[in-house]
Amino acid sequence: MSAFASPPENAKKLMIPFPVICTPTMTEMMGALTTDYAVHISMTFEESPITGIVVLQNPDTLTAAVLYISAERTCLVFSGLNLQMFDRPEGMAPPKEQVQQDFKES
């Protein structure tokens, strides 16, 4: 799934380097995170047909993490404290842009 919409008027595309921790497989990363922090997978989505994002959480400790998954590796991109969950506001308007359900090869 991908959405094609223009960025906000004052948006700038930046490359922001930050450290990540990677393992060769998702099994290794998930094993360590579930053992050490008792997190579970709460959400996933595909970035492309071969890459994806996994969001982990532990609602008891209010901790969360974001993993980036590819065929070559699984990387812990972000982790943090004070997890907050939100519901979609009632009566929110539908999206203005169409969301493509099929990925296009680039």
PDB file of N, CA and C in Angstrom:
ATOM      1  N   MET A   1       0.847  -1.157   0.000  1.00  0.00           N
ATOM      2  CA  MET A   1       0.000   0.000   0.000  1.00  0.00           C
ATOM      3  C   MET A   1       0.899   1.229   0.000  1.00  0.00           C
ATOM      4  N   SER A   2       0.586   2.195  -0.791  1.00  0.00           N
ATOM      5  CA  SER A   2       1.312   3.446  -0.762  1.00  0.00           C
ATOM      6  C   SER A   2       0.342   4.562  -1.097  1.00  0.00           C
ATOM      7  N   ALA A   3       0.616   5.712  -0.565  1.00  0.00           N
ATOM      8  CA  ALA A   3      -0.228   6.866  -0.817  1.00  0.00           C
ATOM      9  C   ALA A   3       0.575   7.890  -1.597  1.00  0.00           C
ATOM     10  N   PHE A   4      -0.052   8.499  -2.553  1.00  0.00           N
ATOM     11  CA  PHE A   4       0.622   9.502  -3.359  1.00  0.00           C
ATOM     12  C   PHE A   4      -0.060  10.844  -3.124  1.00  0.00           C
ATOM     13  N   ALA A   5       0.549  11.667  -2.317  1.00  0.00           N
ATOM     14  CA  ALA A   5       0.012  12.978  -2.008  1.00  0.00           C
ATOM     15  C   ALA A   5       1.174  13.959  -1.957  1.00  0.00           C
ATOM     16  N   SER A   6       0.888  15.182  -2.217  1.00  0.00           N
ATOM     17  CA  SER A   6       1.925  16.204  -2.137  1.00  0.00           C
ATOM     18  C   SER A   6       2.285  16.460  -0.683  1.00  0.00           C
ATOM     19  N   PRO A   7       3.554  16.811  -0.421  1.00  0.00           N
ATOM     20  CA  PRO A   7       3.932  17.141   0.955  1.00  0.00           C
ATOM     21  C   PRO A   7       3.346  18.490   1.364  1.00  0.00           C
ATOM     22  N   PRO A   8       3.286  18.761   2.659  1.00  0.00           N
ATOM     23  CA  PRO A   8       2.830  20.081   3.109  1.00  0.00           C
ATOM     24  C   PRO A   8       3.705  21.176   2.504  1.00  0.00           C
ATOM     25  N   GLU A   9       3.177  22.360   2.398  1.00  0.00           N
ATOM     26  CA  GLU A   9       3.838  23.477   1.723  1.00  0.00           C
ATOM     27  C   GLU A   9       5.256  23.751   2.223  1.00  0.00           C
ATOM     28  N   ASN A  10       5.490  23.723   3.513  1.00  0.00           N
ATOM     29  CA  ASN A  10       6.812  24.045   4.070  1.00  0.00           C
ATOM     30  C   ASN A  10       7.692  22.815   4.307  1.00  0.00           C
ATOM     31  N   ALA A  11       7.323  21.670   3.737  1.00  0.00           N
ATOM     32  CA  ALA A  11       8.081  20.438   3.961  1.00  0.00           C
ATOM     33  C   ALA A  11       9.402  20.445   3.200  1.00  0.00           C
ATOM     34  N   LYS A  12      10.413  19.801   3.790  1.00  0.00           N
ATOM     35  CA  LYS A  12      11.715  19.637   3.154  1.00  0.00           C
ATOM     36  C   LYS A  12      12.111  18.172   3.276  1.00  0.00           C
ATOM     37  N   LYS A  13      12.671  17.607   2.216  1.00  0.00           N
ATOM     38  CA  LYS A  13      13.159  16.238   2.280  1.00  0.00           C
ATOM     39  C   LYS A  13      14.568  16.265   2.853  1.00  0.00           C
ATOM     40  N   LEU A  14      14.784  15.529   3.950  1.00  0.00           N
ATOM     41  CA  LEU A  14      16.076  15.490   4.624  1.00  0.00           C
ATOM     42  C   LEU A  14      16.527  14.049   4.786  1.00  0.00           C
ATOM     43  N   MET A  15      17.811  13.838   4.792  1.00  0.00           N
ATOM     44  CA  MET A  15      18.379  12.541   5.155  1.00  0.00           C
ATOM     45  C   MET A  15      18.967  12.734   6.547  1.00  0.00           C
ATOM     46  N   ILE A  16      18.398  12.045   7.528  1.00  0.00           N
ATOM     47  CA  ILE A  16      18.818  12.214   8.907  1.00  0.00           C
ATOM     48  C   ILE A  16      19.468  10.900   9.376  1.00  0.00           C
ATOM     49  N   PRO A  17      20.775  10.922   9.566  1.00  0.00           N
ATOM     50  CA  PRO A  17      21.428   9.686  10.026  1.00  0.00           C
ATOM     51  C   PRO A  17      21.241   9.497  11.534  1.00  0.00           C
ATOM     52  N   PHE A  18      20.980   8.267  11.924  1.00  0.00           N
ATOM     53  CA  PHE A  18      20.884   7.930  13.332  1.00  0.00           C
ATOM     54  C   PHE A  18      21.292   6.469  13.489  1.00  0.00           C
ATOM     55  N   PRO A  19      21.799   6.108  14.661  1.00  0.00           N
ATOM     56  CA  PRO A  19      22.254   4.736  14.859  1.00  0.00           C
ATOM     57  C   PRO A  19      21.079   3.764  14.989  1.00  0.00           C
ATOM     58  N   VAL A  20      21.267   2.561  14.463  1.00  0.00           N
ATOM     59  CA  VAL A  20      20.298   1.491  14.611  1.00  0.00           C
ATOM     60  C   VAL A  20      21.047   0.228  15.036  1.00  0.00           C
ATOM     61  N   ILE A  21      20.332  -0.698  15.628  1.00  0.00           N
ATOM     62  CA  ILE A  21      20.910  -1.987  16.016  1.00  0.00           C
ATOM     63  C   ILE A  21      20.260  -3.037  15.137  1.00  0.00           C
ATOM     64  N   CYS A  22      21.074  -3.839  14.423  1.00  0.00           N
ATOM     65  CA  CYS A  22      20.539  -4.811  13.468  1.00  0.00           C
ATOM     66  C   CYS A  22      20.992  -6.224  13.785  1.00  0.00           C
ATOM     67  N   THR A  23      20.129  -7.181  13.455  1.00  0.00           N
ATOM     68  CA  THR A  23      20.455  -8.600  13.521  1.00  0.00           C
ATOM     69  C   THR A  23      20.180  -9.189  12.144  1.00  0.00           C
ATOM     70  N   PRO A  24      20.799 -10.323  11.820  1.00  0.00           N
ATOM     71  CA  PRO A  24      20.572 -10.922  10.504  1.00  0.00           C
ATOM     72  C   PRO A  24      19.129 -11.384  10.278  1.00  0.00           C
ATOM     73  N   THR A  25      18.414 -11.734  11.355  1.00  0.00           N
ATOM     74  CA  THR A  25      17.042 -12.218  11.195  1.00  0.00           C
ATOM     75  C   THR A  25      16.105 -11.560  12.191  1.00  0.00           C
ATOM     76  N   MET A  26      14.816 -11.615  11.871  1.00  0.00           N
ATOM     77  CA  MET A  26      13.804 -11.081  12.780  1.00  0.00           C
ATOM     78  C   MET A  26      13.695 -11.965  14.030  1.00  0.00           C
ATOM     79  N   THR A  27      13.919 -13.271  13.874  1.00  0.00           N
ATOM     80  CA  THR A  27      13.839 -14.198  15.003  1.00  0.00           C
ATOM     81  C   THR A  27      14.797 -13.794  16.111  1.00  0.00           C
ATOM     82  N   GLU A  28      16.023 -13.446  15.752  1.00  0.00           N
ATOM     83  CA  GLU A  28      17.009 -13.030  16.762  1.00  0.00           C
ATOM     84  C   GLU A  28      16.580 -11.751  17.472  1.00  0.00           C
ATOM     85  N   MET A  29      16.135 -10.774  16.701  1.00  0.00           N
ATOM     86  CA  MET A  29      15.739  -9.488  17.290  1.00  0.00           C
ATOM     87  C   MET A  29      14.520  -9.664  18.189  1.00  0.00           C
ATOM     88  N   MET A  30      13.499 -10.358  17.694  1.00  0.00           N
ATOM     89  CA  MET A  30      12.285 -10.548  18.487  1.00  0.00           C
ATOM     90  C   MET A  30      12.566 -11.371  19.740  1.00  0.00           C
ATOM     91  N   GLY A  31      13.429 -12.368  19.637  1.00  0.00           N
ATOM     92  CA  GLY A  31      13.787 -13.164  20.807  1.00  0.00           C
ATOM     93  C   GLY A  31      14.394 -12.317  21.899  1.00  0.00           C
ATOM     94  N   ALA A  32      15.312 -11.447  21.516  1.00  0.00           N
ATOM     95  CA  ALA A  32      15.962 -10.575  22.501  1.00  0.00           C
ATOM     96  C   ALA A  32      14.974  -9.581  23.107  1.00  0.00           C
ATOM     97  N   LEU A  33      14.152  -8.961  22.273  1.00  0.00           N
ATOM     98  CA  LEU A  33      13.221  -7.943  22.776  1.00  0.00           C
ATOM     99  C   LEU A  33      12.111  -8.541  23.634  1.00  0.00           C
ATOM    100  N   THR A  34      11.617  -9.713  23.264  1.00  0.00           N
ATOM    101  CA  THR A  34      10.561 -10.312  24.085  1.00  0.00           C
ATOM    102  C   THR A  34      11.118 -10.832  25.406  1.00  0.00           C
ATOM    103  N   THR A  35      12.352 -11.322  25.396  1.00  0.00           N
ATOM    104  CA  THR A  35      12.975 -11.791  26.640  1.00  0.00           C
ATOM    105  C   THR A  35      13.293 -10.622  27.561  1.00  0.00           C
ATOM    106  N   ASP A  36      13.931  -9.588  27.017  1.00  0.00           N
ATOM    107  CA  ASP A  36      14.372  -8.461  27.841  1.00  0.00           C
ATOM    108  C   ASP A  36      13.249  -7.499  28.225  1.00  0.00           C
ATOM    109  N   TYR A  37      12.308  -7.252  27.321  1.00  0.00           N
ATOM    110  CA  TYR A  37      11.309  -6.209  27.559  1.00  0.00           C
ATOM    111  C   TYR A  37       9.864  -6.696  27.517  1.00  0.00           C
ATOM    112  N   ALA A  38       9.650  -7.982  27.231  1.00  0.00           N
ATOM    113  CA  ALA A  38       8.305  -8.581  27.177  1.00  0.00           C
ATOM    114  C   ALA A  38       7.366  -7.824  26.237  1.00  0.00           C
ATOM    115  N   VAL A  39       7.894  -7.382  25.115  1.00  0.00           N
ATOM    116  CA  VAL A  39       7.059  -6.684  24.134  1.00  0.00           C
ATOM    117  C   VAL A  39       6.362  -7.698  23.233  1.00  0.00           C
ATOM    118  N   HIS A  40       5.296  -7.251  22.606  1.00  0.00           N
ATOM    119  CA  HIS A  40       4.611  -8.055  21.600  1.00  0.00           C
ATOM    120  C   HIS A  40       4.382  -7.186  20.363  1.00  0.00           C
ATOM    121  N   ILE A  41       4.146  -7.827  19.241  1.00  0.00           N
ATOM    122  CA  ILE A  41       3.872  -7.090  18.000  1.00  0.00           C
ATOM    123  C   ILE A  41       2.473  -6.512  18.093  1.00  0.00           C
ATOM    124  N   SER A  42       2.364  -5.205  17.944  1.00  0.00           N
ATOM    125  CA  SER A  42       1.051  -4.568  18.008  1.00  0.00           C
ATOM    126  C   SER A  42       0.579  -4.073  16.648  1.00  0.00           C
ATOM    127  N   MET A  43       1.505  -3.888  15.702  1.00  0.00           N
ATOM    128  CA  MET A  43       1.112  -3.379  14.395  1.00  0.00           C
ATOM    129  C   MET A  43       2.230  -3.670  13.393  1.00  0.00           C
ATOM    130  N   THR A  44       1.867  -3.960  12.161  1.00  0.00           N
ATOM    131  CA  THR A  44       2.838  -4.114  11.080  1.00  0.00           C
ATOM    132  C   THR A  44       2.303  -3.419   9.845  1.00  0.00           C
ATOM    133  N   PHE A  45       3.200  -2.998   8.968  1.00  0.00           N
ATOM    134  CA  PHE A  45       2.783  -2.530   7.645  1.00  0.00           C
ATOM    135  C   PHE A  45       3.941  -2.671   6.683  1.00  0.00           C
ATOM    136  N   GLU A  46       3.601  -2.805   5.403  1.00  0.00           N
ATOM    137  CA  GLU A  46       4.609  -2.947   4.367  1.00  0.00           C
ATOM    138  C   GLU A  46       5.041  -1.582   3.861  1.00  0.00           C
ATOM    139  N   GLU A  47       6.339  -1.417   3.728  1.00  0.00           N
ATOM    140  CA  GLU A  47       6.873  -0.219   3.085  1.00  0.00           C
ATOM    141  C   GLU A  47       6.964  -0.469   1.585  1.00  0.00           C
ATOM    142  N   SER A  48       7.296  -1.701   1.232  1.00  0.00           N
ATOM    143  CA  SER A  48       7.383  -2.144  -0.157  1.00  0.00           C
ATOM    144  C   SER A  48       7.122  -3.647  -0.149  1.00  0.00           C
ATOM    145  N   PRO A  49       7.133  -4.300  -1.306  1.00  0.00           N
ATOM    146  CA  PRO A  49       6.909  -5.746  -1.300  1.00  0.00           C
ATOM    147  C   PRO A  49       7.983  -6.534  -0.537  1.00  0.00           C
ATOM    148  N   ILE A  50       9.158  -5.951  -0.318  1.00  0.00           N
ATOM    149  CA  ILE A  50      10.238  -6.693   0.348  1.00  0.00           C
ATOM    150  C   ILE A  50      10.729  -6.053   1.646  1.00  0.00           C
ATOM    151  N   THR A  51      10.116  -4.963   2.078  1.00  0.00           N
ATOM    152  CA  THR A  51      10.501  -4.326   3.333  1.00  0.00           C
ATOM    153  C   THR A  51       9.251  -3.977   4.130  1.00  0.00           C
ATOM    154  N   GLY A  52       9.415  -3.908   5.447  1.00  0.00           N
ATOM    155  CA  GLY A  52       8.265  -3.593   6.280  1.00  0.00           C
ATOM    156  C   GLY A  52       8.647  -3.003   7.615  1.00  0.00           C
ATOM    157  N   ILE A  53       7.639  -2.591   8.333  1.00  0.00           N
ATOM    158  CA  ILE A  53       7.783  -1.969   9.644  1.00  0.00           C
ATOM    159  C   ILE A  53       6.987  -2.794  10.652  1.00  0.00           C
ATOM    160  N   VAL A  54       7.567  -3.007  11.822  1.00  0.00           N
ATOM    161  CA  VAL A  54       6.893  -3.699  12.918  1.00  0.00           C
ATOM    162  C   VAL A  54       6.927  -2.780  14.128  1.00  0.00           C
ATOM    163  N   VAL A  55       5.790  -2.567  14.741  1.00  0.00           N
ATOM    164  CA  VAL A  55       5.702  -1.777  15.962  1.00  0.00           C
ATOM    165  C   VAL A  55       5.461  -2.746  17.110  1.00  0.00           C
ATOM    166  N   LEU A  56       6.303  -2.654  18.125  1.00  0.00           N
ATOM    167  CA  LEU A  56       6.232  -3.508  19.308  1.00  0.00           C
ATOM    168  C   LEU A  56       5.822  -2.671  20.504  1.00  0.00           C
ATOM    169  N   GLN A  57       5.173  -3.311  21.481  1.00  0.00           N
ATOM    170  CA  GLN A  57       4.823  -2.566  22.688  1.00  0.00           C
ATOM    171  C   GLN A  57       4.676  -3.497  23.881  1.00  0.00           C
ATOM    172  N   ASN A  58       4.790  -2.911  25.048  1.00  0.00           N
ATOM    173  CA  ASN A  58       4.435  -3.561  26.294  1.00  0.00           C
ATOM    174  C   ASN A  58       3.577  -2.547  27.048  1.00  0.00           C
ATOM    175  N   PRO A  59       2.249  -2.718  27.033  1.00  0.00           N
ATOM    176  CA  PRO A  59       1.380  -1.735  27.688  1.00  0.00           C
ATOM    177  C   PRO A  59       1.544  -1.698  29.203  1.00  0.00           C
ATOM    178  N   ASP A  60       2.094  -2.764  29.792  1.00  0.00           N
ATOM    179  CA  ASP A  60       2.293  -2.781  31.241  1.00  0.00           C
ATOM    180  C   ASP A  60       3.437  -1.860  31.672  1.00  0.00           C
ATOM    181  N   THR A  61       4.496  -1.802  30.853  1.00  0.00           N
ATOM    182  CA  THR A  61       5.657  -0.955  31.188  1.00  0.00           C
ATOM    183  C   THR A  61       5.673   0.339  30.389  1.00  0.00           C
ATOM    184  N   LEU A  62       4.698   0.511  29.489  1.00  0.00           N
ATOM    185  CA  LEU A  62       4.585   1.695  28.624  1.00  0.00           C
ATOM    186  C   LEU A  62       5.839   1.897  27.767  1.00  0.00           C
ATOM    187  N   THR A  63       6.397   0.778  27.281  1.00  0.00           N
ATOM    188  CA  THR A  63       7.548   0.844  26.385  1.00  0.00           C
ATOM    189  C   THR A  63       7.114   0.423  24.987  1.00  0.00           C
ATOM    190  N   ALA A  64       7.846   0.912  23.977  1.00  0.00           N
ATOM    191  CA  ALA A  64       7.532   0.586  22.590  1.00  0.00           C
ATOM    192  C   ALA A  64       8.804   0.643  21.761  1.00  0.00           C
ATOM    193  N   ALA A  65       8.744   0.003  20.600  1.00  0.00           N
ATOM    194  CA  ALA A  65       9.886  -0.003  19.696  1.00  0.00           C
ATOM    195  C   ALA A  65       9.390  -0.114  18.254  1.00  0.00           C
ATOM    196  N   VAL A  66      10.244   0.320  17.332  1.00  0.00           N
ATOM    197  CA  VAL A  66       9.953   0.231  15.903  1.00  0.00           C
ATOM    198  C   VAL A  66      11.083  -0.537  15.238  1.00  0.00           C
ATOM    199  N   LEU A  67      10.716  -1.589  14.489  1.00  0.00           N
ATOM    200  CA  LEU A  67      11.691  -2.377  13.748  1.00  0.00           C
ATOM    201  C   LEU A  67      11.519  -2.141  12.254  1.00  0.00           C
ATOM    202  N   TYR A  68      12.639  -2.151  11.541  1.00  0.00           N
ATOM    203  CA  TYR A  68      12.633  -2.103  10.078  1.00  0.00           C
ATOM    204  C   TYR A  68      13.079  -3.473   9.599  1.00  0.00           C
ATOM    205  N   ILE A  69      12.273  -4.127   8.771  1.00  0.00           N
ATOM    206  CA  ILE A  69      12.531  -5.495   8.344  1.00  0.00           C
ATOM    207  C   ILE A  69      12.835  -5.530   6.849  1.00  0.00           C
ATOM    208  N   SER A  70      13.908  -6.204   6.481  1.00  0.00           N
ATOM    209  CA  SER A  70      14.217  -6.464   5.069  1.00  0.00           C
ATOM    210  C   SER A  70      14.709  -7.903   4.964  1.00  0.00           C
ATOM    211  N   ALA A  71      14.951  -8.363   3.762  1.00  0.00           N
ATOM    212  CA  ALA A  71      15.436  -9.739   3.571  1.00  0.00           C
ATOM    213  C   ALA A  71      16.813  -9.923   4.204  1.00  0.00           C
ATOM    214  N   GLU A  72      17.618  -8.874   4.254  1.00  0.00           N
ATOM    215  CA  GLU A  72      18.990  -8.973   4.749  1.00  0.00           C
ATOM    216  C   GLU A  72      19.130  -8.822   6.251  1.00  0.00           C
ATOM    217  N   ARG A  73      18.183  -8.105   6.880  1.00  0.00           N
ATOM    218  CA  ARG A  73      18.370  -7.801   8.308  1.00  0.00           C
ATOM    219  C   ARG A  73      17.079  -7.275   8.933  1.00  0.00           C
ATOM    220  N   THR A  74      17.083  -7.275  10.258  1.00  0.00           N
ATOM    221  CA  THR A  74      16.035  -6.615  11.044  1.00  0.00           C
ATOM    222  C   THR A  74      16.730  -5.602  11.938  1.00  0.00           C
ATOM    223  N   CYS A  75      16.260  -4.357  11.906  1.00  0.00           N
ATOM    224  CA  CYS A  75      16.914  -3.286  12.664  1.00  0.00           C
ATOM    225  C   CYS A  75      15.955  -2.649  13.658  1.00  0.00           C
ATOM    226  N   LEU A  76      16.450  -2.462  14.870  1.00  0.00           N
ATOM    227  CA  LEU A  76      15.740  -1.692  15.887  1.00  0.00           C
ATOM    228  C   LEU A  76      16.031  -0.232  15.587  1.00  0.00           C
ATOM    229  N   VAL A  77      15.023   0.475  15.110  1.00  0.00           N
ATOM    230  CA  VAL A  77      15.209   1.857  14.670  1.00  0.00           C
ATOM    231  C   VAL A  77      14.966   2.834  15.812  1.00  0.00           C
ATOM    232  N   PHE A  78      13.869   2.636  16.527  1.00  0.00           N
ATOM    233  CA  PHE A  78      13.531   3.504  17.652  1.00  0.00           C
ATOM    234  C   PHE A  78      12.999   2.657  18.796  1.00  0.00           C
ATOM    235  N   SER A  79      13.270   3.080  20.014  1.00  0.00           N
ATOM    236  CA  SER A  79      12.627   2.501  21.193  1.00  0.00           C
ATOM    237  C   SER A  79      12.414   3.628  22.187  1.00  0.00           C
ATOM    238  N   GLY A  80      11.391   3.486  23.002  1.00  0.00           N
ATOM    239  CA  GLY A  80      11.125   4.583  23.920  1.00  0.00           C
ATOM    240  C   GLY A  80      10.183   4.227  25.042  1.00  0.00           C
ATOM    241  N   LEU A  81       9.947   5.213  25.881  1.00  0.00           N
ATOM    242  CA  LEU A  81       9.141   5.093  27.089  1.00  0.00           C
ATOM    243  C   LEU A  81       7.876   5.928  26.975  1.00  0.00           C
ATOM    244  N   ASN A  82       6.998   5.775  27.935  1.00  0.00           N
ATOM    245  CA  ASN A  82       5.767   6.562  28.044  1.00  0.00           C
ATOM    246  C   ASN A  82       4.850   6.389  26.839  1.00  0.00           C
ATOM    247  N   LEU A  83       4.629   5.142  26.451  1.00  0.00           N
ATOM    248  CA  LEU A  83       3.739   4.790  25.350  1.00  0.00           C
ATOM    249  C   LEU A  83       2.362   5.396  25.564  1.00  0.00           C
ATOM    250  N   GLN A  84       1.819   6.003  24.528  1.00  0.00           N
ATOM    251  CA  GLN A  84       0.458   6.530  24.550  1.00  0.00           C
ATOM    252  C   GLN A  84      -0.278   5.990  23.336  1.00  0.00           C
ATOM    253  N   MET A  85      -1.500   5.562  23.513  1.00  0.00           N
ATOM    254  CA  MET A  85      -2.322   5.034  22.429  1.00  0.00           C
ATOM    255  C   MET A  85      -3.451   6.033  22.148  1.00  0.00           C
ATOM    256  N   PHE A  86      -3.827   6.145  20.884  1.00  0.00           N
ATOM    257  CA  PHE A  86      -4.874   7.079  20.489  1.00  0.00           C
ATOM    258  C   PHE A  86      -5.888   6.386  19.594  1.00  0.00           C
ATOM    259  N   ASP A  87      -7.139   6.796  19.678  1.00  0.00           N
ATOM    260  CA  ASP A  87      -8.199   6.303  18.805  1.00  0.00           C
ATOM    261  C   ASP A  87      -8.452   7.340  17.718  1.00  0.00           C
ATOM    262  N   ARG A  88      -8.904   6.869  16.578  1.00  0.00           N
ATOM    263  CA  ARG A  88      -9.257   7.776  15.488  1.00  0.00           C
ATOM    264  C   ARG A  88     -10.452   8.620  15.945  1.00  0.00           C
ATOM    265  N   PRO A  89     -10.373   9.936  15.765  1.00  0.00           N
ATOM    266  CA  PRO A  89     -11.486  10.796  16.187  1.00  0.00           C
ATOM    267  C   PRO A  89     -12.777  10.445  15.450  1.00  0.00           C
ATOM    268  N   GLU A  90     -13.870  10.430  16.174  1.00  0.00           N
ATOM    269  CA  GLU A  90     -15.161  10.143  15.587  1.00  0.00           C
ATOM    270  C   GLU A  90     -15.525  11.237  14.592  1.00  0.00           C
ATOM    271  N   GLY A  91     -16.063  10.859  13.461  1.00  0.00           N
ATOM    272  CA  GLY A  91     -16.502  11.833  12.466  1.00  0.00           C
ATOM    273  C   GLY A  91     -15.384  12.406  11.611  1.00  0.00           C
ATOM    274  N   MET A  92     -14.187  11.841  11.685  1.00  0.00           N
ATOM    275  CA  MET A  92     -13.069  12.351  10.889  1.00  0.00           C
ATOM    276  C   MET A  92     -13.346  12.140   9.399  1.00  0.00           C
ATOM    277  N   ALA A  93     -13.033  13.121   8.584  1.00  0.00           N
ATOM    278  CA  ALA A  93     -13.295  13.060   7.145  1.00  0.00           C
ATOM    279  C   ALA A  93     -12.465  11.953   6.498  1.00  0.00           C
ATOM    280  N   PRO A  94     -12.960  11.370   5.407  1.00  0.00           N
ATOM    281  CA  PRO A  94     -12.180  10.356   4.697  1.00  0.00           C
ATOM    282  C   PRO A  94     -10.958  11.000   4.039  1.00  0.00           C
ATOM    283  N   PRO A  95      -9.961  10.191   3.650  1.00  0.00           N
ATOM    284  CA  PRO A  95      -8.763  10.760   3.024  1.00  0.00           C
ATOM    285  C   PRO A  95      -9.082  11.447   1.698  1.00  0.00           C
ATOM    286  N   LYS A  96      -8.343  12.498   1.378  1.00  0.00           N
ATOM    287  CA  LYS A  96      -8.502  13.201   0.111  1.00  0.00           C
ATOM    288  C   LYS A  96      -7.801  12.463  -1.021  1.00  0.00           C
ATOM    289  N   GLU A  97      -6.758  11.704  -0.676  1.00  0.00           N
ATOM    290  CA  GLU A  97      -5.963  10.986  -1.672  1.00  0.00           C
ATOM    291  C   GLU A  97      -6.356   9.523  -1.716  1.00  0.00           C
ATOM    292  N   GLN A  98      -6.266   8.930  -2.897  1.00  0.00           N
ATOM    293  CA  GLN A  98      -6.498   7.504  -3.062  1.00  0.00           C
ATOM    294  C   GLN A  98      -5.275   6.739  -2.562  1.00  0.00           C
ATOM    295  N   VAL A  99      -5.490   5.639  -1.887  1.00  0.00           N
ATOM    296  CA  VAL A  99      -4.395   4.797  -1.412  1.00  0.00           C
ATOM    297  C   VAL A  99      -4.302   3.600  -2.353  1.00  0.00           C
ATOM    298  N   GLN A 100      -3.120   3.429  -2.944  1.00  0.00           N
ATOM    299  CA  GLN A 100      -2.888   2.306  -3.856  1.00  0.00           C
ATOM    300  C   GLN A 100      -2.727   1.031  -3.034  1.00  0.00           C
ATOM    301  N   GLN A 101      -3.416  -0.015  -3.401  1.00  0.00           N
ATOM    302  CA  GLN A 101      -3.304  -1.290  -2.702  1.00  0.00           C
ATOM    303  C   GLN A 101      -2.222  -2.167  -3.306  1.00  0.00           C
ATOM    304  N   ASP A 102      -1.778  -1.868  -4.513  1.00  0.00           N
ATOM    305  CA  ASP A 102      -0.731  -2.629  -5.170  1.00  0.00           C
ATOM    306  C   ASP A 102       0.528  -1.798  -5.271  1.00  0.00           C
ATOM    307  N   PHE A 103       1.674  -2.426  -4.946  1.00  0.00           N
ATOM    308  CA  PHE A 103       2.948  -1.721  -5.058  1.00  0.00           C
ATOM    309  C   PHE A 103       3.362  -1.650  -6.501  1.00  0.00           C
ATOM    310  N   LYS A 104       3.998  -0.559  -6.858  1.00  0.00           N
ATOM    311  CA  LYS A 104       4.561  -0.425  -8.195  1.00  0.00           C
ATOM    312  C   LYS A 104       6.073  -0.534  -8.087  1.00  0.00           C
ATOM    313  N   GLU A 105       6.667  -1.328  -8.975  1.00  0.00           N
ATOM    314  CA  GLU A 105       8.129  -1.464  -8.994  1.00  0.00           C
ATOM    315  C   GLU A 105       8.733  -0.136  -9.398  1.00  0.00           C
ATOM    316  N   SER A 106       9.795   0.261  -8.693  1.00  0.00           N
ATOM    317  CA  SER A 106      10.421   1.537  -9.049  1.00  0.00           C
ATOM    318  C   SER A 106      11.708   1.312  -9.789  1.00  0.00           C
TER     319      SER A 106
END
